[in-house]
């Protein structure tokens, strides 16, 4: 990304706002990589030796989602005020 930003800037194809947007993307990408590296270092410390198991909800193994109680459809509102999906 840095090389592309530099090349396009040298060619005069990027406005100052576009240069800033490119730089923001670079910073976000770098932060994401650092987060993954940090997370991977924490995995051995957790002692799980692998991925965390998915809890079965509603008696259906492998169901991935929040448990719903007393809902009548996708537009139901949770106790915290947010829409349930």
PDB file of N, CA and C in Angstrom:
ATOM      1  N   UNK A   1       0.820  -1.188   0.000  1.00  0.00           N
ATOM      2  CA  UNK A   1       0.000   0.000   0.000  1.00  0.00           C
ATOM      3  C   UNK A   1       0.866   1.255   0.000  1.00  0.00           C
ATOM      4  N   UNK A   2       1.927   1.208   0.775  1.00  0.00           N
ATOM      5  CA  UNK A   2       2.810   2.370   0.862  1.00  0.00           C
ATOM      6  C   UNK A   2       3.439   2.669  -0.494  1.00  0.00           C
ATOM      7  N   UNK A   3       3.898   1.615  -1.180  1.00  0.00           N
ATOM      8  CA  UNK A   3       4.501   1.811  -2.497  1.00  0.00           C
ATOM      9  C   UNK A   3       3.490   2.365  -3.490  1.00  0.00           C
ATOM     10  N   UNK A   4       2.284   1.831  -3.454  1.00  0.00           N
ATOM     11  CA  UNK A   4       1.235   2.300  -4.357  1.00  0.00           C
ATOM     12  C   UNK A   4       0.899   3.764  -4.088  1.00  0.00           C
ATOM     13  N   UNK A   5       0.774   4.110  -2.805  1.00  0.00           N
ATOM     14  CA  UNK A   5       0.500   5.507  -2.441  1.00  0.00           C
ATOM     15  C   UNK A   5       1.607   6.413  -2.948  1.00  0.00           C
ATOM     16  N   UNK A   6       2.855   5.991  -2.745  1.00  0.00           N
ATOM     17  CA  UNK A   6       3.993   6.789  -3.205  1.00  0.00           C
ATOM     18  C   UNK A   6       4.011   6.952  -4.713  1.00  0.00           C
ATOM     19  N   UNK A   7       3.741   5.865  -5.429  1.00  0.00           N
ATOM     20  CA  UNK A   7       3.734   5.910  -6.892  1.00  0.00           C
ATOM     21  C   UNK A   7       2.649   6.854  -7.406  1.00  0.00           C
ATOM     22  N   UNK A   8       1.446   6.712  -6.859  1.00  0.00           N
ATOM     23  CA  UNK A   8       0.336   7.562  -7.308  1.00  0.00           C
ATOM     24  C   UNK A   8       0.548   9.024  -6.926  1.00  0.00           C
ATOM     25  N   UNK A   9       1.176   9.252  -5.783  1.00  0.00           N
ATOM     26  CA  UNK A   9       1.472  10.623  -5.358  1.00  0.00           C
ATOM     27  C   UNK A   9       2.497  11.252  -6.293  1.00  0.00           C
ATOM     28  N   UNK A  10       3.559  10.496  -6.620  1.00  0.00           N
ATOM     29  CA  UNK A  10       4.587  11.002  -7.540  1.00  0.00           C
ATOM     30  C   UNK A  10       3.998  11.330  -8.911  1.00  0.00           C
ATOM     31  N   UNK A  11       3.014  10.575  -9.341  1.00  0.00           N
ATOM     32  CA  UNK A  11       2.379  10.817 -10.639  1.00  0.00           C
ATOM     33  C   UNK A  11       1.365  11.957 -10.568  1.00  0.00           C
ATOM     34  N   UNK A  12       1.126  12.455  -9.366  1.00  0.00           N
ATOM     35  CA  UNK A  12       0.191  13.554  -9.198  1.00  0.00           C
ATOM     36  C   UNK A  12      -1.268  13.150  -9.335  1.00  0.00           C
ATOM     37  N   UNK A  13      -1.555  11.878  -9.087  1.00  0.00           N
ATOM     38  CA  UNK A  13      -2.906  11.363  -9.256  1.00  0.00           C
ATOM     39  C   UNK A  13      -3.741  11.388  -7.976  1.00  0.00           C
ATOM     40  N   UNK A  14      -3.099  11.665  -6.851  1.00  0.00           N
ATOM     41  CA  UNK A  14      -3.827  11.653  -5.579  1.00  0.00           C
ATOM     42  C   UNK A  14      -3.925  13.047  -4.988  1.00  0.00           C
ATOM     43  N   UNK A  15      -5.108  13.392  -4.550  1.00  0.00           N
ATOM     44  CA  UNK A  15      -5.301  14.657  -3.841  1.00  0.00           C
ATOM     45  C   UNK A  15      -4.763  14.483  -2.417  1.00  0.00           C
ATOM     46  N   UNK A  16      -4.563  15.581  -1.694  1.00  0.00           N
ATOM     47  CA  UNK A  16      -4.123  15.454  -0.304  1.00  0.00           C
ATOM     48  C   UNK A  16      -5.088  14.599   0.540  1.00  0.00           C
ATOM     49  N   UNK A  17      -6.377  14.696   0.267  1.00  0.00           N
ATOM     50  CA  UNK A  17      -7.352  13.885   1.002  1.00  0.00           C
ATOM     51  C   UNK A  17      -7.181  12.402   0.666  1.00  0.00           C
ATOM     52  N   UNK A  18      -6.930  12.094  -0.595  1.00  0.00           N
ATOM     53  CA  UNK A  18      -6.716  10.703  -0.990  1.00  0.00           C
ATOM     54  C   UNK A  18      -5.433  10.151  -0.368  1.00  0.00           C
ATOM     55  N   UNK A  19      -4.399  10.967  -0.286  1.00  0.00           N
ATOM     56  CA  UNK A  19      -3.142  10.549   0.348  1.00  0.00           C
ATOM     57  C   UNK A  19      -3.406  10.229   1.823  1.00  0.00           C
ATOM     58  N   UNK A  20      -4.175  11.090   2.484  1.00  0.00           N
ATOM     59  CA  UNK A  20      -4.503  10.859   3.896  1.00  0.00           C
ATOM     60  C   UNK A  20      -5.329   9.584   4.057  1.00  0.00           C
ATOM     61  N   UNK A  21      -6.257   9.329   3.128  1.00  0.00           N
ATOM     62  CA  UNK A  21      -7.071   8.111   3.202  1.00  0.00           C
ATOM     63  C   UNK A  21      -6.208   6.874   3.001  1.00  0.00           C
ATOM     64  N   UNK A  22      -5.255   6.935   2.063  1.00  0.00           N
ATOM     65  CA  UNK A  22      -4.318   5.835   1.865  1.00  0.00           C
ATOM     66  C   UNK A  22      -3.537   5.583   3.149  1.00  0.00           C
ATOM     67  N   UNK A  23      -3.035   6.651   3.751  1.00  0.00           N
ATOM     68  CA  UNK A  23      -2.235   6.525   4.975  1.00  0.00           C
ATOM     69  C   UNK A  23      -3.063   5.925   6.098  1.00  0.00           C
ATOM     70  N   UNK A  24      -4.323   6.329   6.203  1.00  0.00           N
ATOM     71  CA  UNK A  24      -5.210   5.762   7.220  1.00  0.00           C
ATOM     72  C   UNK A  24      -5.358   4.260   7.006  1.00  0.00           C
ATOM     73  N   UNK A  25      -5.516   3.841   5.774  1.00  0.00           N
ATOM     74  CA  UNK A  25      -5.610   2.413   5.467  1.00  0.00           C
ATOM     75  C   UNK A  25      -4.350   1.665   5.863  1.00  0.00           C
ATOM     76  N   UNK A  26      -3.211   2.277   5.613  1.00  0.00           N
ATOM     77  CA  UNK A  26      -1.932   1.664   5.995  1.00  0.00           C
ATOM     78  C   UNK A  26      -1.846   1.495   7.513  1.00  0.00           C
ATOM     79  N   UNK A  27      -2.236   2.535   8.248  1.00  0.00           N
ATOM     80  CA  UNK A  27      -2.184   2.471   9.714  1.00  0.00           C
ATOM     81  C   UNK A  27      -3.124   1.406  10.257  1.00  0.00           C
ATOM     82  N   UNK A  28      -4.320   1.321   9.693  1.00  0.00           N
ATOM     83  CA  UNK A  28      -5.289   0.304  10.131  1.00  0.00           C
ATOM     84  C   UNK A  28      -4.758  -1.096   9.857  1.00  0.00           C
ATOM     85  N   UNK A  29      -4.157  -1.289   8.693  1.00  0.00           N
ATOM     86  CA  UNK A  29      -3.598  -2.583   8.332  1.00  0.00           C
ATOM     87  C   UNK A  29      -2.474  -2.979   9.284  1.00  0.00           C
ATOM     88  N   UNK A  30      -1.589  -2.039   9.571  1.00  0.00           N
ATOM     89  CA  UNK A  30      -0.488  -2.304  10.501  1.00  0.00           C
ATOM     90  C   UNK A  30      -1.022  -2.643  11.892  1.00  0.00           C
ATOM     91  N   UNK A  31      -2.031  -1.915  12.351  1.00  0.00           N
ATOM     92  CA  UNK A  31      -2.622  -2.179  13.669  1.00  0.00           C
ATOM     93  C   UNK A  31      -3.267  -3.560  13.701  1.00  0.00           C
ATOM     94  N   UNK A  32      -3.935  -3.943  12.632  1.00  0.00           N
ATOM     95  CA  UNK A  32      -4.571  -5.258  12.566  1.00  0.00           C
ATOM     96  C   UNK A  32      -3.529  -6.371  12.641  1.00  0.00           C
ATOM     97  N   UNK A  33      -2.431  -6.206  11.923  1.00  0.00           N
ATOM     98  CA  UNK A  33      -1.363  -7.204  11.983  1.00  0.00           C
ATOM     99  C   UNK A  33      -0.777  -7.303  13.384  1.00  0.00           C
ATOM    100  N   UNK A  34      -0.544  -6.159  14.027  1.00  0.00           N
ATOM    101  CA  UNK A  34      -0.009  -6.178  15.400  1.00  0.00           C
ATOM    102  C   UNK A  34      -0.972  -6.864  16.348  1.00  0.00           C
ATOM    103  N   UNK A  35      -2.281  -6.610  16.184  1.00  0.00           N
ATOM    104  CA  UNK A  35      -3.268  -7.237  17.054  1.00  0.00           C
ATOM    105  C   UNK A  35      -3.231  -8.751  16.893  1.00  0.00           C
ATOM    106  N   UNK A  36      -3.155  -9.237  15.656  1.00  0.00           N
ATOM    107  CA  UNK A  36      -3.115 -10.683  15.424  1.00  0.00           C
ATOM    108  C   UNK A  36      -1.860 -11.298  16.021  1.00  0.00           C
ATOM    109  N   UNK A  37      -0.739 -10.615  15.898  1.00  0.00           N
ATOM    110  CA  UNK A  37       0.502 -11.118  16.495  1.00  0.00           C
ATOM    111  C   UNK A  37       0.366 -11.202  18.010  1.00  0.00           C
ATOM    112  N   UNK A  38      -0.198 -10.176  18.622  1.00  0.00           N
ATOM    113  CA  UNK A  38      -0.404 -10.175  20.069  1.00  0.00           C
ATOM    114  C   UNK A  38      -1.356 -11.285  20.475  1.00  0.00           C
ATOM    115  N   UNK A  39      -2.431 -11.461  19.737  1.00  0.00           N
ATOM    116  CA  UNK A  39      -3.421 -12.490  20.036  1.00  0.00           C
ATOM    117  C   UNK A  39      -2.793 -13.878  19.948  1.00  0.00           C
ATOM    118  N   UNK A  40      -1.986 -14.116  18.915  1.00  0.00           N
ATOM    119  CA  UNK A  40      -1.325 -15.412  18.761  1.00  0.00           C
ATOM    120  C   UNK A  40      -0.376 -15.696  19.919  1.00  0.00           C
ATOM    121  N   UNK A  41       0.277 -14.661  20.444  1.00  0.00           N
ATOM    122  CA  UNK A  41       1.162 -14.869  21.597  1.00  0.00           C
ATOM    123  C   UNK A  41       0.371 -15.257  22.843  1.00  0.00           C
ATOM    124  N   UNK A  42      -0.868 -14.812  22.927  1.00  0.00           N
ATOM    125  CA  UNK A  42      -1.702 -15.116  24.090  1.00  0.00           C
ATOM    126  C   UNK A  42      -2.287 -16.523  24.047  1.00  0.00           C
ATOM    127  N   UNK A  43      -2.408 -17.123  22.876  1.00  0.00           N
ATOM    128  CA  UNK A  43      -3.028 -18.442  22.759  1.00  0.00           C
ATOM    129  C   UNK A  43      -2.344 -19.506  23.609  1.00  0.00           C
ATOM    130  N   UNK A  44      -1.018 -19.640  23.571  1.00  0.00           N
ATOM    131  CA  UNK A  44      -0.394 -20.658  24.424  1.00  0.00           C
ATOM    132  C   UNK A  44      -0.632 -20.388  25.910  1.00  0.00           C
ATOM    133  N   UNK A  45      -0.717 -19.133  26.299  1.00  0.00           N
ATOM    134  CA  UNK A  45      -0.938 -18.789  27.700  1.00  0.00           C
ATOM    135  C   UNK A  45      -2.328 -19.206  28.156  1.00  0.00           C
ATOM    136  N   UNK A  46      -3.284 -19.268  27.238  1.00  0.00           N
ATOM    137  CA  UNK A  46      -4.640 -19.660  27.598  1.00  0.00           C
ATOM    138  C   UNK A  46      -4.710 -21.144  27.936  1.00  0.00           C
ATOM    139  N   UNK A  47      -3.744 -21.927  27.445  1.00  0.00           N
ATOM    140  CA  UNK A  47      -3.676 -23.333  27.798  1.00  0.00           C
ATOM    141  C   UNK A  47      -4.723 -24.204  27.139  1.00  0.00           C
ATOM    142  N   UNK A  48      -5.393 -23.709  26.128  1.00  0.00           N
ATOM    143  CA  UNK A  48      -6.425 -24.516  25.492  1.00  0.00           C
ATOM    144  C   UNK A  48      -5.846 -25.483  24.485  1.00  0.00           C
ATOM    145  N   UNK A  49      -4.704 -25.145  23.923  1.00  0.00           N
ATOM    146  CA  UNK A  49      -4.094 -26.026  22.955  1.00  0.00           C
ATOM    147  C   UNK A  49      -4.836 -26.070  21.627  1.00  0.00           C
ATOM    148  N   UNK A  50      -5.799 -25.221  21.430  1.00  0.00           N
ATOM    149  CA  UNK A  50      -6.554 -25.205  20.176  1.00  0.00           C
ATOM    150  C   UNK A  50      -7.639 -24.165  20.232  1.00  0.00           C
ATOM    151  N   UNK A  51      -8.623 -24.351  19.398  1.00  0.00           N
ATOM    152  CA  UNK A  51      -9.704 -23.392  19.361  1.00  0.00           C
ATOM    153  C   UNK A  51     -10.701 -23.673  20.470  1.00  0.00           C
ATOM    154  N   UNK A  52     -11.412 -22.658  20.865  1.00  0.00           N
ATOM    155  CA  UNK A  52     -12.428 -22.809  21.904  1.00  0.00           C
ATOM    156  C   UNK A  52     -13.645 -23.515  21.325  1.00  0.00           C
ATOM    157  N   UNK A  53     -14.241 -24.414  22.080  1.00  0.00           N
ATOM    158  CA  UNK A  53     -15.422 -25.114  21.572  1.00  0.00           C
ATOM    159  C   UNK A  53     -16.619 -24.177  21.486  1.00  0.00           C
ATOM    160  N   UNK A  54     -17.507 -24.485  20.559  1.00  0.00           N
ATOM    161  CA  UNK A  54     -18.743 -23.726  20.415  1.00  0.00           C
ATOM    162  C   UNK A  54     -19.788 -24.401  21.282  1.00  0.00           C
ATOM    163  N   UNK A  55     -20.435 -23.608  22.153  1.00  0.00           N
ATOM    164  CA  UNK A  55     -21.487 -24.172  22.995  1.00  0.00           C
ATOM    165  C   UNK A  55     -22.703 -24.481  22.147  1.00  0.00           C
ATOM    166  N   UNK A  56     -23.360 -25.567  22.474  1.00  0.00           N
ATOM    167  CA  UNK A  56     -24.603 -25.900  21.788  1.00  0.00           C
ATOM    168  C   UNK A  56     -25.737 -25.124  22.442  1.00  0.00           C
ATOM    169  N   UNK A  57     -26.532 -24.455  21.625  1.00  0.00           N
ATOM    170  CA  UNK A  57     -27.686 -23.713  22.102  1.00  0.00           C
ATOM    171  C   UNK A  57     -28.943 -24.402  21.612  1.00  0.00           C
ATOM    172  N   UNK A  58     -29.941 -24.408  22.420  1.00  0.00           N
ATOM    173  CA  UNK A  58     -31.223 -25.008  22.054  1.00  0.00           C
ATOM    174  C   UNK A  58     -31.081 -26.479  21.690  1.00  0.00           C
ATOM    175  N   UNK A  59     -30.074 -27.153  22.217  1.00  0.00           N
ATOM    176  CA  UNK A  59     -29.903 -28.572  21.969  1.00  0.00           C
ATOM    177  C   UNK A  59     -29.411 -28.908  20.575  1.00  0.00           C
ATOM    178  N   UNK A  60     -29.053 -27.921  19.794  1.00  0.00           N
ATOM    179  CA  UNK A  60     -28.583 -28.168  18.429  1.00  0.00           C
ATOM    180  C   UNK A  60     -27.079 -27.961  18.363  1.00  0.00           C
ATOM    181  N   UNK A  61     -26.298 -29.042  18.270  1.00  0.00           N
ATOM    182  CA  UNK A  61     -24.841 -28.895  18.203  1.00  0.00           C
ATOM    183  C   UNK A  61     -24.435 -28.036  17.012  1.00  0.00           C
ATOM    184  N   UNK A  62     -23.502 -27.145  17.238  1.00  0.00           N
ATOM    185  CA  UNK A  62     -22.966 -26.317  16.178  1.00  0.00           C
ATOM    186  C   UNK A  62     -23.791 -25.081  15.854  1.00  0.00           C
ATOM    187  N   UNK A  63     -24.900 -24.877  16.525  1.00  0.00           N
ATOM    188  CA  UNK A  63     -25.695 -23.671  16.298  1.00  0.00           C
ATOM    189  C   UNK A  63     -24.894 -22.494  16.804  1.00  0.00           C
ATOM    190  N   UNK A  64     -24.650 -21.515  15.965  1.00  0.00           N
ATOM    191  CA  UNK A  64     -23.851 -20.359  16.363  1.00  0.00           C
ATOM    192  C   UNK A  64     -24.735 -19.132  16.376  1.00  0.00           C
ATOM    193  N   UNK A  65     -25.069 -18.682  17.531  1.00  0.00           N
ATOM    194  CA  UNK A  65     -25.896 -17.500  17.644  1.00  0.00           C
ATOM    195  C   UNK A  65     -26.256 -17.262  19.090  1.00  0.00           C
ATOM    196  N   UNK A  66     -26.951 -16.162  19.338  1.00  0.00           N
ATOM    197  CA  UNK A  66     -27.361 -15.844  20.696  1.00  0.00           C
ATOM    198  C   UNK A  66     -28.621 -16.614  21.038  1.00  0.00           C
ATOM    199  N   UNK A  67     -28.724 -16.975  22.284  1.00  0.00           N
ATOM    200  CA  UNK A  67     -29.943 -17.623  22.749  1.00  0.00           C
ATOM    201  C   UNK A  67     -31.049 -16.575  22.796  1.00  0.00           C
ATOM    202  N   UNK A  68     -32.197 -16.937  22.292  1.00  0.00           N
ATOM    203  CA  UNK A  68     -33.332 -16.024  22.296  1.00  0.00           C
ATOM    204  C   UNK A  68     -34.395 -16.566  23.229  1.00  0.00           C
ATOM    205  N   UNK A  69     -34.967 -15.696  23.998  1.00  0.00           N
ATOM    206  CA  UNK A  69     -36.059 -16.101  24.877  1.00  0.00           C
ATOM    207  C   UNK A  69     -37.224 -15.167  24.661  1.00  0.00           C
ATOM    208  N   UNK A  70     -38.385 -15.741  24.411  1.00  0.00           N
ATOM    209  CA  UNK A  70     -39.589 -14.941  24.287  1.00  0.00           C
ATOM    210  C   UNK A  70     -39.623 -14.021  23.092  1.00  0.00           C
ATOM    211  N   UNK A  71     -38.985 -14.405  21.990  1.00  0.00           N
ATOM    212  CA  UNK A  71     -38.997 -13.552  20.806  1.00  0.00           C
ATOM    213  C   UNK A  71     -40.091 -14.010  19.864  1.00  0.00           C
ATOM    214  N   UNK A  72     -40.612 -13.086  19.103  1.00  0.00           N
ATOM    215  CA  UNK A  72     -41.639 -13.442  18.137  1.00  0.00           C
ATOM    216  C   UNK A  72     -41.169 -13.239  16.708  1.00  0.00           C
ATOM    217  N   UNK A  73     -39.954 -12.791  16.522  1.00  0.00           N
ATOM    218  CA  UNK A  73     -39.440 -12.600  15.180  1.00  0.00           C
ATOM    219  C   UNK A  73     -38.195 -11.746  15.170  1.00  0.00           C
ATOM    220  N   UNK A  74     -37.674 -11.460  13.972  1.00  0.00           N
ATOM    221  CA  UNK A  74     -36.405 -10.712  13.887  1.00  0.00           C
ATOM    222  C   UNK A  74     -36.504  -9.276  14.353  1.00  0.00           C
ATOM    223  N   UNK A  75     -37.714  -8.739  14.497  1.00  0.00           N
ATOM    224  CA  UNK A  75     -37.850  -7.350  14.928  1.00  0.00           C
ATOM    225  C   UNK A  75     -38.020  -7.211  16.425  1.00  0.00           C
ATOM    226  N   UNK A  76     -37.898  -8.296  17.151  1.00  0.00           N
ATOM    227  CA  UNK A  76     -38.047  -8.229  18.596  1.00  0.00           C
ATOM    228  C   UNK A  76     -36.945  -7.404  19.204  1.00  0.00           C
ATOM    229  N   UNK A  77     -37.252  -6.697  20.267  1.00  0.00           N
ATOM    230  CA  UNK A  77     -36.280  -5.845  20.937  1.00  0.00           C
ATOM    231  C   UNK A  77     -35.841  -6.540  22.214  1.00  0.00           C
ATOM    232  N   UNK A  78     -34.508  -6.570  22.423  1.00  0.00           N
ATOM    233  CA  UNK A  78     -33.970  -7.208  23.620  1.00  0.00           C
ATOM    234  C   UNK A  78     -34.183  -6.318  24.831  1.00  0.00           C
ATOM    235  N   UNK A  79     -33.900  -6.903  25.985  1.00  0.00           N
ATOM    236  CA  UNK A  79     -34.054  -6.140  27.231  1.00  0.00           C
ATOM    237  C   UNK A  79     -33.129  -4.941  27.286  1.00  0.00           C
ATOM    238  N   UNK A  80     -32.000  -5.023  26.573  1.00  0.00           N
ATOM    239  CA  UNK A  80     -31.050  -3.899  26.578  1.00  0.00           C
ATOM    240  C   UNK A  80     -31.458  -2.819  25.592  1.00  0.00           C
ATOM    241  N   UNK A  81     -32.536  -3.064  24.820  1.00  0.00           N
ATOM    242  CA  UNK A  81     -33.017  -2.033  23.923  1.00  0.00           C
ATOM    243  C   UNK A  81     -32.602  -2.205  22.487  1.00  0.00           C
ATOM    244  N   UNK A  82     -31.681  -3.135  22.191  1.00  0.00           N
ATOM    245  CA  UNK A  82     -31.240  -3.321  20.817  1.00  0.00           C
ATOM    246  C   UNK A  82     -32.081  -4.345  20.095  1.00  0.00           C
ATOM    247  N   UNK A  83     -32.079  -4.270  18.789  1.00  0.00           N
ATOM    248  CA  UNK A  83     -32.803  -5.257  17.989  1.00  0.00           C
ATOM    249  C   UNK A  83     -32.062  -6.562  17.991  1.00  0.00           C
ATOM    250  N   UNK A  84     -32.763  -7.649  18.106  1.00  0.00           N
ATOM    251  CA  UNK A  84     -32.153  -8.974  18.037  1.00  0.00           C
ATOM    252  C   UNK A  84     -32.137  -9.423  16.607  1.00  0.00           C
ATOM    253  N   UNK A  85     -31.067 -10.109  16.254  1.00  0.00           N
ATOM    254  CA  UNK A  85     -30.959 -10.632  14.891  1.00  0.00           C
ATOM    255  C   UNK A  85     -30.662 -12.094  14.914  1.00  0.00           C
TER     256      UNK A  85
END
